[in-house]
Amino acid sequence: MLSQKQVESYREDGYVTVRAVFPRPEQIAALRQVADEFVEKSRAAIEHTADFDLEPGHSAETPRLRRLKHPETLAPAFDEVFRDERVIEMVAQLVGPTVRHFGGKLNMKSAGFGSAVEWHQDHAFCARTNDDVLAVGLMIDDMTDDNGPVLFAPGTHQGPVYDHLSNGYFCGAVSADVARSLAGKYDTLTGTAGTVTFHHARLLHASLGNRSGSPRRFLLYEVMAADAWPLAGCSASFESWQSMNSRMIMGTQCTTPRLAPVPVRMPQPTPPKVSSIFQLQRDGENDYYLEGATR
């Protein structure tokens, strides 16, 4: 359970970090093993698939799996993390007693070449009727200063939702001017494997590339209050009632969205090619961290 101080920190800063939520070494080792097995399976992929997002330079000889999509549907070990009672209890303290899951991903920054991610806000990808929406992250590896740490800009969840456009299309990244304005105003997230983070959907965040000799794998799930309904024009806006109901992890799905006066920007116009945030950002020109990177 979160302490009152931790809840207040989340409200003020837009994120909170909880150490040693998953302290058992054997559970972390099992997650790493499953992640390694999917890297092996990715050798057969020659382009992005429904399950795999690949780094530039990926090949059967040198597999470079960048993201495992919806891992909770692919392996019981990942699903167990998402349904852990301790995690759900903490989520309920932050978004309320009825909680719906949306989707997950395992971001994998391999040693020496793991991709950076530009500054962005999750709320820009799918706006909802209120912003009791957050992402839960589990560090499968230690997250250090040099293996691709996450960067959080505290307090930005209380401000605007920024333009995430480039060349007239949604690109999943704020402009370089906004990114530059965050210099010296962000926290670098580090921690040991088993640490869990919670960050608000409107919080500006990014992550650096991995320049170390150690991997950095970070398991993420998006959750929200059951009365936070997706708005038309977002990728999740076409979910059926049956789909939304099946995603409930605490309480029951409601039919009355709660409308809150939160800022909204739609992820439009949709670019010609959409596969993941990595590809969106590389196809755009908001490349504060990615300038000169392989696209």
Foldseek 3Di string as FASTA:
>chain_A
DDDPVQLVQCVQFQKGKDAQQPVDPVLLVVVVVVVVVVQLVCQPDPAADPFFHADPPAHNVRHGTFKGWQVLVVDVSLVCVVQPPVVVVVLCSQFHQWKFWDTKMKGKFAAAFHAKFAKAFQCQQWPWLDFQKKKKKFWSAWFDPAAKFKKWQTRQLVDAHAQQDFPFARQRHHALVVVVVCVVRIDTDTGGGNMMMIGTRRIIMIIAHHRHNHMTIMMMIMMHHLLTATDPQHPCNPDDPVRRQVRISGDGHDPHHDHDPGHHDHRPDHDPDDDDSVVSNVVGDRCNRQVPHDD
